[in-house]
Amino acid sequence: QVQLVESGGGLVQPGGSLRLSCAASGILFRFYAMGWYRQAPGKERELVATITTGGATNYADSVKGRFTISRDNAKNSVYLQMNSLKPEDTAVYYCNARHVYGTSNYWGQGTQVTVSS
């Protein structure tokens, strides 16, 4: 059974930081590109950041220079370090795992991030 379990969300003041974690099980993690997506109320889900099996990263323009995605294949985990958070970063953040051959795609249940004073 495949599981992607996110953690680390919460309430933070503008300018603050949070680190999201996603622990994967039931997949051969090293063969999956990993990503973080987010969905704000009334909006579509959007890409935040992705990291390939080789470690190459890609970021949405809105988070470049503030967020950092990383992975630890030994721990079957992917992380999102979020700095200089803004109210517009408020959303449910979802972890995604996509097989390199596109044969499977999985989502976590999401973790709420709220940026507010």
C-alpha atoms as a PDB file:
ATOM      1  CA  GLN A   1       0.000   0.000   0.000  1.00  0.00           C
ATOM      2  CA  VAL A   2       1.432   3.340  -1.062  1.00  0.00           C
ATOM      3  CA  GLN A   3       1.416   6.133   1.483  1.00  0.00           C
ATOM      4  CA  LEU A   4       2.703   9.676   1.347  1.00  0.00           C
ATOM      5  CA  VAL A   5       2.432  11.286   4.758  1.00  0.00           C
ATOM      6  CA  GLU A   6       3.026  15.032   5.054  1.00  0.00           C
ATOM      7  CA  SER A   7       3.876  16.819   8.273  1.00  0.00           C
ATOM      8  CA  GLY A   8       5.184  20.147   9.453  1.00  0.00           C
ATOM      9  CA  GLY A   9       2.349  22.465   8.536  1.00  0.00           C
ATOM     10  CA  GLY A  10       0.896  25.007  10.904  1.00  0.00           C
ATOM     11  CA  LEU A  11       0.326  28.658  11.658  1.00  0.00           C
ATOM     12  CA  VAL A  12       3.225  31.057  11.199  1.00  0.00           C
ATOM     13  CA  GLN A  13       3.579  34.821  11.094  1.00  0.00           C
ATOM     14  CA  PRO A  14       4.577  36.624   7.905  1.00  0.00           C
ATOM     15  CA  GLY A  15       8.331  36.448   7.455  1.00  0.00           C
ATOM     16  CA  GLY A  16       8.542  33.205   9.367  1.00  0.00           C
ATOM     17  CA  SER A  17       9.695  29.751   8.332  1.00  0.00           C
ATOM     18  CA  LEU A  18       8.325  26.234   8.196  1.00  0.00           C
ATOM     19  CA  ARG A  19       9.754  22.932   7.064  1.00  0.00           C
ATOM     20  CA  LEU A  20       7.414  20.411   5.508  1.00  0.00           C
ATOM     21  CA  SER A  21       8.265  16.724   5.385  1.00  0.00           C
ATOM     22  CA  CYS A  22       6.789  13.920   3.321  1.00  0.00           C
ATOM     23  CA  ALA A  23       7.538  10.314   4.198  1.00  0.00           C
ATOM     24  CA  ALA A  24       6.862   7.762   1.477  1.00  0.00           C
ATOM     25  CA  SER A  25       6.212   4.061   1.874  1.00  0.00           C
ATOM     26  CA  GLY A  26       5.174   1.317  -0.503  1.00  0.00           C
ATOM     27  CA  ILE A  27       7.200   2.665  -3.445  1.00  0.00           C
ATOM     28  CA  LEU A  28      10.772   2.379  -4.667  1.00  0.00           C
ATOM     29  CA  PHE A  29      11.456   5.961  -3.686  1.00  0.00           C
ATOM     30  CA  ARG A  30      14.633   6.451  -5.715  1.00  0.00           C
ATOM     31  CA  PHE A  31      12.670   5.866  -8.938  1.00  0.00           C
ATOM     32  CA  TYR A  32      10.206   8.655  -8.225  1.00  0.00           C
ATOM     33  CA  ALA A  33      10.401  12.335  -8.956  1.00  0.00           C
ATOM     34  CA  MET A  34       8.945  14.162  -5.980  1.00  0.00           C
ATOM     35  CA  GLY A  35       7.044  17.390  -5.769  1.00  0.00           C
ATOM     36  CA  TRP A  36       5.157  19.792  -3.584  1.00  0.00           C
ATOM     37  CA  TYR A  37       1.934  21.362  -4.759  1.00  0.00           C
ATOM     38  CA  ARG A  38      -0.484  23.671  -2.984  1.00  0.00           C
ATOM     39  CA  GLN A  39      -4.119  24.616  -3.193  1.00  0.00           C
ATOM     40  CA  ALA A  40      -5.572  27.761  -1.695  1.00  0.00           C
ATOM     41  CA  PRO A  41      -9.315  28.161  -1.069  1.00  0.00           C
ATOM     42  CA  GLY A  42     -11.174  28.800  -4.300  1.00  0.00           C
ATOM     43  CA  LYS A  43      -8.083  28.206  -6.425  1.00  0.00           C
ATOM     44  CA  GLU A  44      -6.697  25.342  -8.465  1.00  0.00           C
ATOM     45  CA  ARG A  45      -3.863  23.186  -7.232  1.00  0.00           C
ATOM     46  CA  GLU A  46      -0.527  24.592  -8.370  1.00  0.00           C
ATOM     47  CA  LEU A  47       3.038  23.398  -8.539  1.00  0.00           C
ATOM     48  CA  VAL A  48       5.368  24.708  -5.848  1.00  0.00           C
ATOM     49  CA  ALA A  49       8.572  22.744  -6.404  1.00  0.00           C
ATOM     50  CA  THR A  50       9.804  19.474  -7.841  1.00  0.00           C
ATOM     51  CA  ILE A  51      12.956  17.407  -7.528  1.00  0.00           C
ATOM     52  CA  THR A  52      14.024  14.680  -9.924  1.00  0.00           C
ATOM     53  CA  THR A  53      15.567  11.351  -9.069  1.00  0.00           C
ATOM     54  CA  GLY A  54      18.920  12.927  -9.859  1.00  0.00           C
ATOM     55  CA  GLY A  55      18.329  15.905  -7.591  1.00  0.00           C
ATOM     56  CA  ALA A  56      17.513  18.568 -10.180  1.00  0.00           C
ATOM     57  CA  THR A  57      15.027  21.089  -8.828  1.00  0.00           C
ATOM     58  CA  ASN A  58      12.355  23.333 -10.272  1.00  0.00           C
ATOM     59  CA  TYR A  59      10.370  26.072  -8.544  1.00  0.00           C
ATOM     60  CA  ALA A  60       7.338  28.190  -9.189  1.00  0.00           C
ATOM     61  CA  ASP A  61       8.344  31.805  -9.789  1.00  0.00           C
ATOM     62  CA  SER A  62       6.369  32.867  -6.719  1.00  0.00           C
ATOM     63  CA  VAL A  63       8.582  30.860  -4.354  1.00  0.00           C
ATOM     64  CA  LYS A  64      12.011  31.086  -6.004  1.00  0.00           C
ATOM     65  CA  GLY A  65      14.635  32.258  -3.555  1.00  0.00           C
ATOM     66  CA  ARG A  66      12.390  31.558  -0.556  1.00  0.00           C
ATOM     67  CA  PHE A  67      11.624  27.829  -0.721  1.00  0.00           C
ATOM     68  CA  THR A  68      14.036  24.898  -1.040  1.00  0.00           C
ATOM     69  CA  ILE A  69      13.079  21.342  -1.931  1.00  0.00           C
ATOM     70  CA  SER A  70      15.333  18.437  -1.012  1.00  0.00           C
ATOM     71  CA  ARG A  71      15.171  14.680  -0.760  1.00  0.00           C
ATOM     72  CA  ASP A  72      16.777  11.942   1.304  1.00  0.00           C
ATOM     73  CA  ASN A  73      16.569   8.618  -0.511  1.00  0.00           C
ATOM     74  CA  ALA A  74      17.847   6.762   2.541  1.00  0.00           C
ATOM     75  CA  LYS A  75      14.840   7.994   4.505  1.00  0.00           C
ATOM     76  CA  ASN A  76      12.330   7.828   1.635  1.00  0.00           C
ATOM     77  CA  SER A  77      11.535  11.444   2.337  1.00  0.00           C
ATOM     78  CA  VAL A  78      11.216  14.781   0.622  1.00  0.00           C
ATOM     79  CA  TYR A  79      11.299  18.166   2.334  1.00  0.00           C
ATOM     80  CA  LEU A  80      10.252  21.725   1.635  1.00  0.00           C
ATOM     81  CA  GLN A  81      12.022  24.452   3.560  1.00  0.00           C
ATOM     82  CA  MET A  82       9.899  27.576   3.401  1.00  0.00           C
ATOM     83  CA  ASN A  83      11.419  30.900   4.444  1.00  0.00           C
ATOM     84  CA  SER A  84      10.154  34.480   4.310  1.00  0.00           C
ATOM     85  CA  LEU A  85       6.597  33.232   4.253  1.00  0.00           C
ATOM     86  CA  LYS A  86       3.858  35.500   2.981  1.00  0.00           C
ATOM     87  CA  PRO A  87       0.091  35.465   3.565  1.00  0.00           C
ATOM     88  CA  GLU A  88      -0.345  34.407  -0.065  1.00  0.00           C
ATOM     89  CA  ASP A  89       1.541  31.196   0.733  1.00  0.00           C
ATOM     90  CA  THR A  90      -1.451  30.093   2.796  1.00  0.00           C
ATOM     91  CA  ALA A  91      -2.750  26.841   1.336  1.00  0.00           C
ATOM     92  CA  VAL A  92      -2.976  23.107   1.780  1.00  0.00           C
ATOM     93  CA  TYR A  93       0.351  21.668   0.667  1.00  0.00           C
ATOM     94  CA  TYR A  94       0.419  18.277  -1.009  1.00  0.00           C
ATOM     95  CA  CYS A  95       3.267  15.861  -1.589  1.00  0.00           C
ATOM     96  CA  ASN A  96       3.416  14.129  -4.974  1.00  0.00           C
ATOM     97  CA  ALA A  97       5.367  11.123  -6.204  1.00  0.00           C
ATOM     98  CA  ARG A  98       5.616  10.449  -9.934  1.00  0.00           C
ATOM     99  CA  HIS A  99       7.451   7.429 -11.362  1.00  0.00           C
ATOM    100  CA  VAL A 100      10.217   8.329 -13.818  1.00  0.00           C
ATOM    101  CA  TYR A 101       8.449   6.356 -16.551  1.00  0.00           C
ATOM    102  CA  GLY A 102       5.108   7.979 -15.749  1.00  0.00           C
ATOM    103  CA  THR A 103       3.553   4.663 -14.866  1.00  0.00           C
ATOM    104  CA  SER A 104       2.263   5.756 -11.478  1.00  0.00           C
ATOM    105  CA  ASN A 105       1.457   8.941  -9.630  1.00  0.00           C
ATOM    106  CA  TYR A 106       0.570   9.339  -5.970  1.00  0.00           C
ATOM    107  CA  TRP A 107      -0.611  12.133  -3.666  1.00  0.00           C
ATOM    108  CA  GLY A 108      -0.473  12.694   0.049  1.00  0.00           C
ATOM    109  CA  GLN A 109      -3.408  13.858   2.119  1.00  0.00           C
ATOM    110  CA  GLY A 110      -2.119  17.408   2.480  1.00  0.00           C
ATOM    111  CA  THR A 111      -0.972  19.615   5.325  1.00  0.00           C
ATOM    112  CA  GLN A 112      -2.331  23.079   6.076  1.00  0.00           C
ATOM    113  CA  VAL A 113       0.003  26.061   6.065  1.00  0.00           C
ATOM    114  CA  THR A 114      -1.433  29.336   7.312  1.00  0.00           C
ATOM    115  CA  VAL A 115       0.574  32.555   7.218  1.00  0.00           C
ATOM    116  CA  SER A 116      -1.094  35.221   9.285  1.00  0.00           C
ATOM    117  CA  SER A 117      -0.358  37.776  11.966  1.00  0.00           C
END
